[in-house]
């Protein structure tokens, strides 16, 4: 079985990263998921681009502006819980985990 076509992988990565640059994180993530489904995990370039998309989305989730969801509805347990889950999922190491707990 042949590996992923490098030109096709690069084109899909470039397209997803361009969406990310334009601020369209959901589309970038969708494109990366589709590319992984098509090409599998055999391309280091694809895995790096996928990681980049996730890390930038995580940065948006942990940005202080993202905390406004709780500020806008301080009595909403549902929104506070949702925000906490996003931060918890974004935690990748013990230091970040401690920040999420705080």
PDB file of N, CA and C in Angstrom:
ATOM      1  N   UNK A   1       0.842  -1.187   0.000  1.00  0.00           N
ATOM      2  CA  UNK A   1       0.000   0.000   0.000  1.00  0.00           C
ATOM      3  C   UNK A   1       0.887   1.249   0.000  1.00  0.00           C
ATOM      4  N   UNK A   2       0.590   2.156  -0.901  1.00  0.00           N
ATOM      5  CA  UNK A   2       1.379   3.378  -1.030  1.00  0.00           C
ATOM      6  C   UNK A   2       1.005   4.361   0.065  1.00  0.00           C
ATOM      7  N   UNK A   3       1.971   5.195   0.439  1.00  0.00           N
ATOM      8  CA  UNK A   3       1.722   6.216   1.455  1.00  0.00           C
ATOM      9  C   UNK A   3       0.930   7.368   0.875  1.00  0.00           C
ATOM     10  N   UNK A   4       0.623   8.333   1.700  1.00  0.00           N
ATOM     11  CA  UNK A   4      -0.144   9.486   1.235  1.00  0.00           C
ATOM     12  C   UNK A   4       0.627  10.281   0.185  1.00  0.00           C
ATOM     13  N   UNK A   5      -0.110  10.853  -0.757  1.00  0.00           N
ATOM     14  CA  UNK A   5       0.483  11.692  -1.799  1.00  0.00           C
ATOM     15  C   UNK A   5       0.942  13.008  -1.159  1.00  0.00           C
ATOM     16  N   UNK A   6       2.264  13.255  -1.147  1.00  0.00           N
ATOM     17  CA  UNK A   6       2.776  14.458  -0.476  1.00  0.00           C
ATOM     18  C   UNK A   6       2.182  15.765  -1.005  1.00  0.00           C
ATOM     19  N   UNK A   7       1.963  15.854  -2.312  1.00  0.00           N
ATOM     20  CA  UNK A   7       1.407  17.091  -2.877  1.00  0.00           C
ATOM     21  C   UNK A   7      -0.034  17.307  -2.406  1.00  0.00           C
ATOM     22  N   UNK A   8      -0.807  16.246  -2.365  1.00  0.00           N
ATOM     23  CA  UNK A   8      -2.201  16.357  -1.910  1.00  0.00           C
ATOM     24  C   UNK A   8      -2.247  16.714  -0.424  1.00  0.00           C
ATOM     25  N   UNK A   9      -1.383  16.085   0.356  1.00  0.00           N
ATOM     26  CA  UNK A   9      -1.331  16.375   1.792  1.00  0.00           C
ATOM     27  C   UNK A   9      -0.947  17.834   2.014  1.00  0.00           C
ATOM     28  N   UNK A  10       0.073  18.303   1.311  1.00  0.00           N
ATOM     29  CA  UNK A  10       0.510  19.694   1.470  1.00  0.00           C
ATOM     30  C   UNK A  10      -0.616  20.661   1.103  1.00  0.00           C
ATOM     31  N   UNK A  11      -1.323  20.387   0.015  1.00  0.00           N
ATOM     32  CA  UNK A  11      -2.412  21.266  -0.415  1.00  0.00           C
ATOM     33  C   UNK A  11      -3.516  21.325   0.643  1.00  0.00           C
ATOM     34  N   UNK A  12      -3.851  20.173   1.220  1.00  0.00           N
ATOM     35  CA  UNK A  12      -4.902  20.153   2.239  1.00  0.00           C
ATOM     36  C   UNK A  12      -4.445  20.849   3.522  1.00  0.00           C
ATOM     37  N   UNK A  13      -3.196  20.654   3.884  1.00  0.00           N
ATOM     38  CA  UNK A  13      -2.656  21.335   5.075  1.00  0.00           C
ATOM     39  C   UNK A  13      -2.651  22.846   4.863  1.00  0.00           C
ATOM     40  N   UNK A  14      -2.206  23.275   3.693  1.00  0.00           N
ATOM     41  CA  UNK A  14      -2.167  24.711   3.388  1.00  0.00           C
ATOM     42  C   UNK A  14      -3.562  25.318   3.445  1.00  0.00           C
ATOM     43  N   UNK A  15      -4.546  24.580   2.933  1.00  0.00           N
ATOM     44  CA  UNK A  15      -5.914  25.069   2.938  1.00  0.00           C
ATOM     45  C   UNK A  15      -6.421  25.213   4.383  1.00  0.00           C
ATOM     46  N   UNK A  16      -6.169  24.215   5.208  1.00  0.00           N
ATOM     47  CA  UNK A  16      -6.623  24.276   6.603  1.00  0.00           C
ATOM     48  C   UNK A  16      -5.908  25.392   7.365  1.00  0.00           C
ATOM     49  N   UNK A  17      -4.616  25.527   7.145  1.00  0.00           N
ATOM     50  CA  UNK A  17      -3.863  26.571   7.848  1.00  0.00           C
ATOM     51  C   UNK A  17      -4.287  27.964   7.390  1.00  0.00           C
ATOM     52  N   UNK A  18      -4.670  28.092   6.121  1.00  0.00           N
ATOM     53  CA  UNK A  18      -5.183  29.375   5.624  1.00  0.00           C
ATOM     54  C   UNK A  18      -6.506  29.711   6.322  1.00  0.00           C
ATOM     55  N   UNK A  19      -7.354  28.721   6.506  1.00  0.00           N
ATOM     56  CA  UNK A  19      -8.617  28.946   7.233  1.00  0.00           C
ATOM     57  C   UNK A  19      -8.324  29.388   8.662  1.00  0.00           C
ATOM     58  N   UNK A  20      -7.337  28.756   9.257  1.00  0.00           N
ATOM     59  CA  UNK A  20      -6.952  29.106  10.617  1.00  0.00           C
ATOM     60  C   UNK A  20      -6.476  30.550  10.693  1.00  0.00           C
ATOM     61  N   UNK A  21      -5.667  30.969   9.719  1.00  0.00           N
ATOM     62  CA  UNK A  21      -5.165  32.350   9.678  1.00  0.00           C
ATOM     63  C   UNK A  21      -6.302  33.359   9.535  1.00  0.00           C
ATOM     64  N   UNK A  22      -7.355  32.959   8.825  1.00  0.00           N
ATOM     65  CA  UNK A  22      -8.507  33.848   8.636  1.00  0.00           C
ATOM     66  C   UNK A  22      -9.442  33.834   9.846  1.00  0.00           C
ATOM     67  N   UNK A  23      -9.124  32.993  10.845  1.00  0.00           N
ATOM     68  CA  UNK A  23      -9.938  32.943  12.050  1.00  0.00           C
ATOM     69  C   UNK A  23     -11.081  31.953  11.994  1.00  0.00           C
ATOM     70  N   UNK A  24     -11.089  31.108  10.976  1.00  0.00           N
ATOM     71  CA  UNK A  24     -12.162  30.122  10.859  1.00  0.00           C
ATOM     72  C   UNK A  24     -11.680  28.792  11.443  1.00  0.00           C
ATOM     73  N   UNK A  25     -11.587  28.736  12.772  1.00  0.00           N
ATOM     74  CA  UNK A  25     -11.087  27.545  13.443  1.00  0.00           C
ATOM     75  C   UNK A  25     -11.929  26.300  13.196  1.00  0.00           C
ATOM     76  N   UNK A  26     -13.268  26.389  13.220  1.00  0.00           N
ATOM     77  CA  UNK A  26     -14.060  25.175  12.978  1.00  0.00           C
ATOM     78  C   UNK A  26     -13.794  24.556  11.603  1.00  0.00           C
ATOM     79  N   UNK A  27     -13.674  25.404  10.582  1.00  0.00           N
ATOM     80  CA  UNK A  27     -13.416  24.864   9.243  1.00  0.00           C
ATOM     81  C   UNK A  27     -12.013  24.270   9.168  1.00  0.00           C
ATOM     82  N   UNK A  28     -11.034  24.900   9.786  1.00  0.00           N
ATOM     83  CA  UNK A  28      -9.674  24.366   9.783  1.00  0.00           C
ATOM     84  C   UNK A  28      -9.642  22.997  10.447  1.00  0.00           C
ATOM     85  N   UNK A  29     -10.338  22.874  11.565  1.00  0.00           N
ATOM     86  CA  UNK A  29     -10.381  21.594  12.269  1.00  0.00           C
ATOM     87  C   UNK A  29     -11.094  20.539  11.428  1.00  0.00           C
ATOM     88  N   UNK A  30     -12.181  20.918  10.793  1.00  0.00           N
ATOM     89  CA  UNK A  30     -12.914  19.976   9.941  1.00  0.00           C
ATOM     90  C   UNK A  30     -12.046  19.504   8.782  1.00  0.00           C
ATOM     91  N   UNK A  31     -11.329  20.438   8.149  1.00  0.00           N
ATOM     92  CA  UNK A  31     -10.450  20.066   7.036  1.00  0.00           C
ATOM     93  C   UNK A  31      -9.349  19.112   7.485  1.00  0.00           C
ATOM     94  N   UNK A  32      -8.806  19.343   8.676  1.00  0.00           N
ATOM     95  CA  UNK A  32      -7.758  18.454   9.192  1.00  0.00           C
ATOM     96  C   UNK A  32      -8.316  17.063   9.480  1.00  0.00           C
ATOM     97  N   UNK A  33      -9.502  17.002  10.059  1.00  0.00           N
ATOM     98  CA  UNK A  33     -10.121  15.701  10.340  1.00  0.00           C
ATOM     99  C   UNK A  33     -10.398  14.943   9.042  1.00  0.00           C
ATOM    100  N   UNK A  34     -10.873  15.656   8.033  1.00  0.00           N
ATOM    101  CA  UNK A  34     -11.136  15.027   6.740  1.00  0.00           C
ATOM    102  C   UNK A  34      -9.834  14.542   6.094  1.00  0.00           C
ATOM    103  N   UNK A  35      -8.783  15.347   6.197  1.00  0.00           N
ATOM    104  CA  UNK A  35      -7.488  14.959   5.622  1.00  0.00           C
ATOM    105  C   UNK A  35      -6.938  13.721   6.321  1.00  0.00           C
ATOM    106  N   UNK A  36      -7.061  13.667   7.640  1.00  0.00           N
ATOM    107  CA  UNK A  36      -6.612  12.483   8.378  1.00  0.00           C
ATOM    108  C   UNK A  36      -7.415  11.248   7.978  1.00  0.00           C
ATOM    109  N   UNK A  37      -8.706  11.429   7.767  1.00  0.00           N
ATOM    110  CA  UNK A  37      -9.546  10.302   7.343  1.00  0.00           C
ATOM    111  C   UNK A  37      -9.137   9.807   5.957  1.00  0.00           C
ATOM    112  N   UNK A  38      -8.758  10.735   5.086  1.00  0.00           N
ATOM    113  CA  UNK A  38      -8.371  10.387   3.715  1.00  0.00           C
ATOM    114  C   UNK A  38      -6.981   9.777   3.638  1.00  0.00           C
ATOM    115  N   UNK A  39      -6.047  10.369   4.383  1.00  0.00           N
ATOM    116  CA  UNK A  39      -4.635  10.000   4.225  1.00  0.00           C
ATOM    117  C   UNK A  39      -4.072   9.169   5.367  1.00  0.00           C
ATOM    118  N   UNK A  40      -4.793   9.069   6.461  1.00  0.00           N
ATOM    119  CA  UNK A  40      -4.282   8.335   7.613  1.00  0.00           C
ATOM    120  C   UNK A  40      -3.209   9.133   8.335  1.00  0.00           C
ATOM    121  N   UNK A  41      -2.515   8.474   9.237  1.00  0.00           N
ATOM    122  CA  UNK A  41      -1.510   9.155  10.058  1.00  0.00           C
ATOM    123  C   UNK A  41      -0.095   8.876   9.579  1.00  0.00           C
ATOM    124  N   UNK A  42       0.057   8.604   8.280  1.00  0.00           N
ATOM    125  CA  UNK A  42       1.371   8.276   7.750  1.00  0.00           C
ATOM    126  C   UNK A  42       2.188   9.455   7.277  1.00  0.00           C
ATOM    127  N   UNK A  43       1.663  10.660   7.403  1.00  0.00           N
ATOM    128  CA  UNK A  43       2.371  11.845   6.919  1.00  0.00           C
ATOM    129  C   UNK A  43       2.765  12.744   8.090  1.00  0.00           C
ATOM    130  N   UNK A  44       4.065  12.909   8.309  1.00  0.00           N
ATOM    131  CA  UNK A  44       4.493  13.840   9.371  1.00  0.00           C
ATOM    132  C   UNK A  44       3.980  15.261   9.147  1.00  0.00           C
ATOM    133  N   UNK A  45       3.925  15.702   7.890  1.00  0.00           N
ATOM    134  CA  UNK A  45       3.431  17.042   7.583  1.00  0.00           C
ATOM    135  C   UNK A  45       1.979  17.183   8.015  1.00  0.00           C
ATOM    136  N   UNK A  46       1.179  16.182   7.725  1.00  0.00           N
ATOM    137  CA  UNK A  46      -0.231  16.216   8.090  1.00  0.00           C
ATOM    138  C   UNK A  46      -0.401  16.227   9.614  1.00  0.00           C
ATOM    139  N   UNK A  47       0.367  15.414  10.297  1.00  0.00           N
ATOM    140  CA  UNK A  47       0.274  15.379  11.757  1.00  0.00           C
ATOM    141  C   UNK A  47       0.738  16.691  12.381  1.00  0.00           C
ATOM    142  N   UNK A  48       1.766  17.305  11.799  1.00  0.00           N
ATOM    143  CA  UNK A  48       2.241  18.602  12.309  1.00  0.00           C
ATOM    144  C   UNK A  48       1.178  19.674  12.101  1.00  0.00           C
ATOM    145  N   UNK A  49       0.565  19.702  10.918  1.00  0.00           N
ATOM    146  CA  UNK A  49      -0.479  20.685  10.643  1.00  0.00           C
ATOM    147  C   UNK A  49      -1.680  20.461  11.564  1.00  0.00           C
ATOM    148  N   UNK A  50      -2.034  19.208  11.780  1.00  0.00           N
ATOM    149  CA  UNK A  50      -3.142  18.879  12.672  1.00  0.00           C
ATOM    150  C   UNK A  50      -2.845  19.375  14.089  1.00  0.00           C
ATOM    151  N   UNK A  51      -1.614  19.170  14.543  1.00  0.00           N
ATOM    152  CA  UNK A  51      -1.203  19.659  15.853  1.00  0.00           C
ATOM    153  C   UNK A  51      -1.236  21.172  15.931  1.00  0.00           C
ATOM    154  N   UNK A  52      -0.822  21.828  14.850  1.00  0.00           N
ATOM    155  CA  UNK A  52      -0.844  23.291  14.810  1.00  0.00           C
ATOM    156  C   UNK A  52      -2.263  23.817  14.945  1.00  0.00           C
ATOM    157  N   UNK A  53      -3.191  23.209  14.212  1.00  0.00           N
ATOM    158  CA  UNK A  53      -4.589  23.629  14.286  1.00  0.00           C
ATOM    159  C   UNK A  53      -5.102  23.471  15.715  1.00  0.00           C
ATOM    160  N   UNK A  54      -4.835  22.320  16.314  1.00  0.00           N
ATOM    161  CA  UNK A  54      -5.310  22.092  17.680  1.00  0.00           C
ATOM    162  C   UNK A  54      -4.677  23.065  18.670  1.00  0.00           C
ATOM    163  N   UNK A  55      -3.387  23.315  18.531  1.00  0.00           N
ATOM    164  CA  UNK A  55      -2.736  24.203  19.498  1.00  0.00           C
ATOM    165  C   UNK A  55      -3.253  25.630  19.366  1.00  0.00           C
ATOM    166  N   UNK A  56      -3.518  26.078  18.164  1.00  0.00           N
ATOM    167  CA  UNK A  56      -4.036  27.449  18.001  1.00  0.00           C
ATOM    168  C   UNK A  56      -5.473  27.566  18.497  1.00  0.00           C
ATOM    169  N   UNK A  57      -6.248  26.507  18.298  1.00  0.00           N
ATOM    170  CA  UNK A  57      -7.616  26.519  18.814  1.00  0.00           C
ATOM    171  C   UNK A  57      -7.584  26.521  20.338  1.00  0.00           C
ATOM    172  N   UNK A  58      -6.681  25.764  20.907  1.00  0.00           N
ATOM    173  CA  UNK A  58      -6.523  25.733  22.359  1.00  0.00           C
ATOM    174  C   UNK A  58      -6.140  27.112  22.873  1.00  0.00           C
ATOM    175  N   UNK A  59      -5.263  27.805  22.155  1.00  0.00           N
ATOM    176  CA  UNK A  59      -4.865  29.150  22.568  1.00  0.00           C
ATOM    177  C   UNK A  59      -6.062  30.083  22.590  1.00  0.00           C
ATOM    178  N   UNK A  60      -6.978  29.909  21.644  1.00  0.00           N
ATOM    179  CA  UNK A  60      -8.181  30.740  21.618  1.00  0.00           C
ATOM    180  C   UNK A  60      -9.055  30.420  22.824  1.00  0.00           C
ATOM    181  N   UNK A  61      -9.167  29.130  23.154  1.00  0.00           N
ATOM    182  CA  UNK A  61     -10.016  28.725  24.268  1.00  0.00           C
ATOM    183  C   UNK A  61      -9.492  29.218  25.606  1.00  0.00           C
ATOM    184  N   UNK A  62      -8.169  29.306  25.730  1.00  0.00           N
ATOM    185  CA  UNK A  62      -7.596  29.723  27.007  1.00  0.00           C
ATOM    186  C   UNK A  62      -7.284  31.215  27.044  1.00  0.00           C
ATOM    187  N   UNK A  63      -7.566  31.908  25.951  1.00  0.00           N
ATOM    188  CA  UNK A  63      -7.365  33.349  25.903  1.00  0.00           C
ATOM    189  C   UNK A  63      -8.292  34.015  26.919  1.00  0.00           C
ATOM    190  N   UNK A  64      -7.818  35.064  27.614  1.00  0.00           N
ATOM    191  CA  UNK A  64      -8.682  35.734  28.594  1.00  0.00           C
ATOM    192  C   UNK A  64     -10.010  36.203  28.011  1.00  0.00           C
ATOM    193  N   UNK A  65     -10.027  36.541  26.731  1.00  0.00           N
ATOM    194  CA  UNK A  65     -11.287  36.966  26.113  1.00  0.00           C
ATOM    195  C   UNK A  65     -12.307  35.837  26.110  1.00  0.00           C
ATOM    196  N   UNK A  66     -11.829  34.577  26.045  1.00  0.00           N
ATOM    197  CA  UNK A  66     -12.746  33.445  26.062  1.00  0.00           C
ATOM    198  C   UNK A  66     -13.423  33.308  27.420  1.00  0.00           C
ATOM    199  N   UNK A  67     -12.838  33.874  28.439  1.00  0.00           N
ATOM    200  CA  UNK A  67     -13.431  33.821  29.779  1.00  0.00           C
ATOM    201  C   UNK A  67     -14.682  34.692  29.865  1.00  0.00           C
ATOM    202  N   UNK A  68     -14.899  35.536  28.886  1.00  0.00           N
ATOM    203  CA  UNK A  68     -16.074  36.407  28.894  1.00  0.00           C
ATOM    204  C   UNK A  68     -17.365  35.622  28.920  1.00  0.00           C
ATOM    205  N   UNK A  69     -17.337  34.378  28.457  1.00  0.00           N
ATOM    206  CA  UNK A  69     -18.548  33.564  28.477  1.00  0.00           C
ATOM    207  C   UNK A  69     -19.092  33.482  29.905  1.00  0.00           C
ATOM    208  N   UNK A  70     -18.213  33.352  30.867  1.00  0.00           N
ATOM    209  CA  UNK A  70     -18.633  33.295  32.266  1.00  0.00           C
ATOM    210  C   UNK A  70     -19.013  34.687  32.756  1.00  0.00           C
ATOM    211  N   UNK A  71     -18.271  35.707  32.319  1.00  0.00           N
ATOM    212  CA  UNK A  71     -18.576  37.083  32.726  1.00  0.00           C
ATOM    213  C   UNK A  71     -19.943  37.535  32.226  1.00  0.00           C
ATOM    214  N   UNK A  72     -20.316  37.098  31.031  1.00  0.00           N
ATOM    215  CA  UNK A  72     -21.579  37.540  30.437  1.00  0.00           C
ATOM    216  C   UNK A  72     -22.789  36.871  31.087  1.00  0.00           C
ATOM    217  N   UNK A  73     -22.580  35.698  31.651  1.00  0.00           N
ATOM    218  CA  UNK A  73     -23.679  34.990  32.303  1.00  0.00           C
ATOM    219  C   UNK A  73     -23.159  34.358  33.595  1.00  0.00           C
ATOM    220  N   UNK A  74     -22.857  35.193  34.593  1.00  0.00           N
ATOM    221  CA  UNK A  74     -22.229  34.677  35.811  1.00  0.00           C
ATOM    222  C   UNK A  74     -23.075  33.680  36.587  1.00  0.00           C
ATOM    223  N   UNK A  75     -24.380  33.681  36.401  1.00  0.00           N
ATOM    224  CA  UNK A  75     -25.255  32.765  37.131  1.00  0.00           C
ATOM    225  C   UNK A  75     -25.549  31.479  36.357  1.00  0.00           C
ATOM    226  N   UNK A  76     -24.945  31.340  35.182  1.00  0.00           N
ATOM    227  CA  UNK A  76     -25.215  30.164  34.361  1.00  0.00           C
ATOM    228  C   UNK A  76     -24.242  29.042  34.695  1.00  0.00           C
ATOM    229  N   UNK A  77     -24.743  28.066  35.392  1.00  0.00           N
ATOM    230  CA  UNK A  77     -23.933  26.904  35.721  1.00  0.00           C
ATOM    231  C   UNK A  77     -23.544  26.141  34.453  1.00  0.00           C
ATOM    232  N   UNK A  78     -24.448  26.089  33.497  1.00  0.00           N
ATOM    233  CA  UNK A  78     -24.182  25.380  32.243  1.00  0.00           C
ATOM    234  C   UNK A  78     -22.997  25.994  31.495  1.00  0.00           C
ATOM    235  N   UNK A  79     -22.962  27.327  31.384  1.00  0.00           N
ATOM    236  CA  UNK A  79     -21.860  27.973  30.673  1.00  0.00           C
ATOM    237  C   UNK A  79     -20.550  27.860  31.445  1.00  0.00           C
ATOM    238  N   UNK A  80     -20.612  27.970  32.754  1.00  0.00           N
ATOM    239  CA  UNK A  80     -19.402  27.816  33.560  1.00  0.00           C
ATOM    240  C   UNK A  80     -18.857  26.400  33.418  1.00  0.00           C
ATOM    241  N   UNK A  81     -19.742  25.426  33.434  1.00  0.00           N
ATOM    242  CA  UNK A  81     -19.334  24.029  33.277  1.00  0.00           C
ATOM    243  C   UNK A  81     -18.725  23.804  31.892  1.00  0.00           C
ATOM    244  N   UNK A  82     -19.364  24.347  30.861  1.00  0.00           N
ATOM    245  CA  UNK A  82     -18.860  24.215  29.493  1.00  0.00           C
ATOM    246  C   UNK A  82     -17.462  24.818  29.375  1.00  0.00           C
ATOM    247  N   UNK A  83     -17.269  26.015  29.919  1.00  0.00           N
ATOM    248  CA  UNK A  83     -15.971  26.685  29.851  1.00  0.00           C
ATOM    249  C   UNK A  83     -14.918  25.872  30.589  1.00  0.00           C
ATOM    250  N   UNK A  84     -15.277  25.348  31.745  1.00  0.00           N
ATOM    251  CA  UNK A  84     -14.350  24.530  32.520  1.00  0.00           C
ATOM    252  C   UNK A  84     -13.945  23.280  31.742  1.00  0.00           C
ATOM    253  N   UNK A  85     -14.897  22.636  31.088  1.00  0.00           N
ATOM    254  CA  UNK A  85     -14.578  21.451  30.289  1.00  0.00           C
ATOM    255  C   UNK A  85     -13.629  21.787  29.142  1.00  0.00           C
ATOM    256  N   UNK A  86     -13.849  22.919  28.492  1.00  0.00           N
ATOM    257  CA  UNK A  86     -12.953  23.326  27.412  1.00  0.00           C
ATOM    258  C   UNK A  86     -11.541  23.526  27.922  1.00  0.00           C
ATOM    259  N   UNK A  87     -11.414  24.197  29.048  1.00  0.00           N
ATOM    260  CA  UNK A  87     -10.090  24.429  29.620  1.00  0.00           C
ATOM    261  C   UNK A  87      -9.446  23.128  30.076  1.00  0.00           C
ATOM    262  N   UNK A  88     -10.232  22.260  30.660  1.00  0.00           N
ATOM    263  CA  UNK A  88      -9.709  20.972  31.126  1.00  0.00           C
ATOM    264  C   UNK A  88      -9.169  20.161  29.954  1.00  0.00           C
ATOM    265  N   UNK A  89      -9.926  20.126  28.858  1.00  0.00           N
ATOM    266  CA  UNK A  89      -9.474  19.389  27.675  1.00  0.00           C
ATOM    267  C   UNK A  89      -8.239  20.031  27.062  1.00  0.00           C
ATOM    268  N   UNK A  90      -8.093  21.329  27.245  1.00  0.00           N
ATOM    269  CA  UNK A  90      -6.945  22.030  26.673  1.00  0.00           C
ATOM    270  C   UNK A  90      -5.673  21.808  27.476  1.00  0.00           C
ATOM    271  N   UNK A  91      -5.820  21.403  28.728  1.00  0.00           N
ATOM    272  CA  UNK A  91      -4.650  21.212  29.595  1.00  0.00           C
ATOM    273  C   UNK A  91      -3.806  20.055  29.075  1.00  0.00           C
ATOM    274  N   UNK A  92      -2.532  20.324  28.851  1.00  0.00           N
ATOM    275  CA  UNK A  92      -1.678  19.291  28.265  1.00  0.00           C
ATOM    276  C   UNK A  92      -0.541  18.868  29.188  1.00  0.00           C
ATOM    277  N   UNK A  93      -0.312  19.607  30.238  1.00  0.00           N
ATOM    278  CA  UNK A  93       0.745  19.232  31.173  1.00  0.00           C
ATOM    279  C   UNK A  93       0.320  19.635  32.574  1.00  0.00           C
ATOM    280  N   UNK A  94       1.098  19.265  33.563  1.00  0.00           N
ATOM    281  CA  UNK A  94       0.716  19.534  34.946  1.00  0.00           C
ATOM    282  C   UNK A  94       0.588  21.021  35.239  1.00  0.00           C
ATOM    283  N   UNK A  95       1.470  21.843  34.670  1.00  0.00           N
ATOM    284  CA  UNK A  95       1.407  23.287  34.913  1.00  0.00           C
ATOM    285  C   UNK A  95       0.092  23.852  34.372  1.00  0.00           C
ATOM    286  N   UNK A  96      -0.242  23.506  33.138  1.00  0.00           N
ATOM    287  CA  UNK A  96      -1.484  23.987  32.540  1.00  0.00           C
ATOM    288  C   UNK A  96      -2.679  23.445  33.316  1.00  0.00           C
ATOM    289  N   UNK A  97      -2.587  22.188  33.732  1.00  0.00           N
ATOM    290  CA  UNK A  97      -3.658  21.581  34.499  1.00  0.00           C
ATOM    291  C   UNK A  97      -3.910  22.366  35.791  1.00  0.00           C
ATOM    292  N   UNK A  98      -2.841  22.770  36.457  1.00  0.00           N
ATOM    293  CA  UNK A  98      -2.978  23.555  37.683  1.00  0.00           C
ATOM    294  C   UNK A  98      -3.635  24.897  37.393  1.00  0.00           C
ATOM    295  N   UNK A  99      -3.305  25.509  36.262  1.00  0.00           N
ATOM    296  CA  UNK A  99      -3.932  26.782  35.889  1.00  0.00           C
ATOM    297  C   UNK A  99      -5.426  26.592  35.665  1.00  0.00           C
ATOM    298  N   UNK A 100      -5.805  25.486  35.030  1.00  0.00           N
ATOM    299  CA  UNK A 100      -7.212  25.211  34.792  1.00  0.00           C
ATOM    300  C   UNK A 100      -7.948  25.037  36.107  1.00  0.00           C
ATOM    301  N   UNK A 101      -7.350  24.312  37.022  1.00  0.00           N
ATOM    302  CA  UNK A 101      -7.985  24.122  38.330  1.00  0.00           C
ATOM    303  C   UNK A 101      -8.193  25.448  39.058  1.00  0.00           C
ATOM    304  N   UNK A 102      -7.199  26.338  38.931  1.00  0.00           N
ATOM    305  CA  UNK A 102      -7.317  27.643  39.589  1.00  0.00           C
ATOM    306  C   UNK A 102      -8.466  28.436  38.992  1.00  0.00           C
TER     307      UNK A 102
END
